[in-house]
């Protein structure tokens, strides 16, 4: 068993093994950072979505309160049409905002991984001796 440990420690002292281990460590660090960025992005999306839901509930509560205000049927119809238009426009804007948040956070995480991949390829090239 002691012989196997010596062989293993000798292998890690071989030229290039330390560089390879360091590169793998940087790969793992980049992956962890990308995961952290993705998680923060997901949390931001969830938080903003909750804010949007709360705003919608408040708007709906206001709309329900105004239903009983003695307006003529024509005025109620116009107000309801305006409320529906406003609600639709807000829903579209909210969906676009959420999509932008998701795209931004995933783009940042993917950018980090792409940068690390390019660096890893350069590191790999430096570990391989040039051919004659």
Protein backbone atom coordinates (compact mmCIF):
# COMPACT_ATOMS: atom_id res chain seq x y z
CA UNK A 1 0.00 0.00 0.00
CA UNK A 2 2.86 2.35 0.83
CA UNK A 3 4.27 1.70 -2.63
CA UNK A 4 0.99 2.81 -4.23
CA UNK A 5 1.07 6.07 -2.24
CA UNK A 6 4.63 6.71 -3.40
CA UNK A 7 3.63 6.07 -7.00
CA UNK A 8 0.70 8.47 -6.65
CA UNK A 9 2.79 11.22 -5.08
CA UNK A 10 5.45 10.73 -7.77
CA UNK A 11 2.78 11.04 -10.46
CA UNK A 12 1.70 14.39 -9.07
CA UNK A 13 5.29 15.60 -9.17
CA UNK A 14 5.54 14.81 -12.86
CA UNK A 15 5.96 17.85 -15.10
CA UNK A 16 2.63 19.33 -16.02
CA UNK A 17 0.59 17.61 -13.31
CA UNK A 18 0.66 20.63 -11.00
CA UNK A 19 -0.42 22.83 -13.89
CA UNK A 20 -3.17 20.38 -14.77
CA UNK A 21 -4.40 20.28 -11.17
CA UNK A 22 -4.33 24.09 -11.00
CA UNK A 23 -6.30 24.30 -14.26
CA UNK A 24 -8.91 21.90 -12.92
CA UNK A 25 -9.16 23.98 -9.75
CA UNK A 26 -9.75 27.11 -11.86
CA UNK A 27 -12.38 25.20 -13.87
CA UNK A 28 -14.20 24.24 -10.67
CA UNK A 29 -13.97 27.81 -9.36
CA UNK A 30 -15.42 29.17 -12.61
CA UNK A 31 -18.24 26.63 -12.51
CA UNK A 32 -19.02 27.51 -8.88
CA UNK A 33 -19.03 31.22 -9.75
CA UNK A 34 -21.31 30.63 -12.75
CA UNK A 35 -23.69 28.65 -10.53
CA UNK A 36 -23.66 31.46 -7.96
CA UNK A 37 -24.44 33.99 -10.68
CA UNK A 38 -27.28 31.84 -12.01
CA UNK A 39 -28.72 31.42 -8.52
CA UNK A 40 -28.56 35.16 -7.86
CA UNK A 41 -30.27 35.76 -11.19
CA UNK A 42 -33.03 33.30 -10.36
CA UNK A 43 -33.51 34.97 -6.97
CA UNK A 44 -33.74 38.39 -8.62
CA UNK A 45 -36.32 37.08 -11.08
CA UNK A 46 -38.38 35.50 -8.28
CA UNK A 47 -38.22 38.69 -6.19
CA UNK A 48 -39.27 40.88 -9.09
CA UNK A 49 -42.04 38.47 -10.02
CA UNK A 50 -43.39 38.62 -6.46
CA UNK A 51 -43.35 42.42 -6.63
CA UNK A 52 -45.32 42.25 -9.87
CA UNK A 53 -47.87 39.89 -8.32
CA UNK A 54 -48.29 42.18 -5.33
CA UNK A 55 -48.80 45.16 -7.63
CA UNK A 56 -51.40 43.23 -9.63
CA UNK A 57 -53.26 42.27 -6.44
CA UNK A 58 -53.29 45.92 -5.36
CA UNK A 59 -54.58 46.99 -8.77
CA UNK A 60 -57.29 44.33 -8.68
CA UNK A 61 -58.34 45.40 -5.18
CA UNK A 62 -58.65 49.01 -6.35
CA UNK A 63 -60.65 47.92 -9.38
CA UNK A 64 -63.06 45.87 -7.25
CA UNK A 65 -63.53 48.79 -4.88
CA UNK A 66 -64.47 51.11 -7.76
CA UNK A 67 -67.08 48.73 -9.17
CA UNK A 68 -69.63 49.82 -6.59
CA UNK A 69 -69.18 53.54 -7.25
CA UNK A 70 -72.49 54.65 -8.85
CA UNK A 71 -71.31 55.25 -12.41
CA UNK A 72 -73.41 54.99 -15.50
CA UNK A 73 -73.10 51.71 -17.41
CA UNK A 74 -71.28 53.54 -20.24
CA UNK A 75 -68.75 55.06 -17.83
CA UNK A 76 -68.23 51.67 -16.16
CA UNK A 77 -67.69 50.05 -19.57
CA UNK A 78 -65.15 52.70 -20.57
CA UNK A 79 -63.32 52.40 -17.24
CA UNK A 80 -63.25 48.60 -17.46
CA UNK A 81 -61.97 48.77 -21.03
CA UNK A 82 -59.21 51.16 -19.93
CA UNK A 83 -58.35 48.91 -16.96
CA UNK A 84 -58.11 45.88 -19.26
CA UNK A 85 -55.88 47.75 -21.70
CA UNK A 86 -53.63 48.96 -18.87
CA UNK A 87 -53.49 45.48 -17.32
CA UNK A 88 -52.59 43.92 -20.68
CA UNK A 89 -49.84 46.47 -21.36
CA UNK A 90 -48.44 45.99 -17.86
CA UNK A 91 -48.49 42.19 -18.23
CA UNK A 92 -46.59 42.39 -21.52
CA UNK A 93 -44.06 44.83 -20.02
CA UNK A 94 -43.65 42.59 -16.96
CA UNK A 95 -43.06 39.51 -19.10
CA UNK A 96 -40.47 41.42 -21.14
CA UNK A 97 -38.76 42.62 -17.95
CA UNK A 98 -38.60 39.09 -16.55
CA UNK A 99 -37.29 37.74 -19.85
CA UNK A 100 -34.60 40.44 -19.88
CA UNK A 101 -33.58 39.59 -16.30
CA UNK A 102 -33.34 35.90 -17.15
CA UNK A 103 -31.37 36.58 -20.33
CA UNK A 104 -28.98 38.92 -18.51
CA UNK A 105 -28.23 36.53 -15.65
CA UNK A 106 -27.83 33.47 -17.85
CA UNK A 107 -25.74 35.48 -20.32
CA UNK A 108 -23.38 36.58 -17.56
CA UNK A 109 -22.96 33.03 -16.27
CA UNK A 110 -22.44 31.66 -19.76
CA UNK A 111 -19.94 34.42 -20.53
CA UNK A 112 -17.93 33.47 -17.48
CA UNK A 113 -17.88 29.81 -18.52
CA UNK A 114 -16.91 30.68 -22.10
CA UNK A 115 -14.06 32.85 -20.84
CA UNK A 116 -12.80 30.03 -18.62
CA UNK A 117 -13.13 27.51 -21.47
CA UNK A 118 -11.00 29.72 -23.74
CA UNK A 119 -8.39 30.08 -20.99
CA UNK A 120 -8.43 26.31 -20.39
CA UNK A 121 -7.80 25.68 -24.09
CA UNK A 122 -4.79 28.00 -23.99
CA UNK A 123 -3.53 26.26 -20.85
CA UNK A 124 -3.93 22.87 -22.53
CA UNK A 125 -1.94 24.06 -25.52
CA UNK A 126 0.91 25.13 -23.26
CA UNK A 127 1.00 21.69 -21.60
CA UNK A 128 1.40 19.80 -24.87
CA UNK A 129 4.89 19.94 -26.33
CA UNK A 130 5.01 21.24 -29.93
CA UNK A 131 5.36 18.59 -32.63
CA UNK A 132 8.28 18.65 -35.01
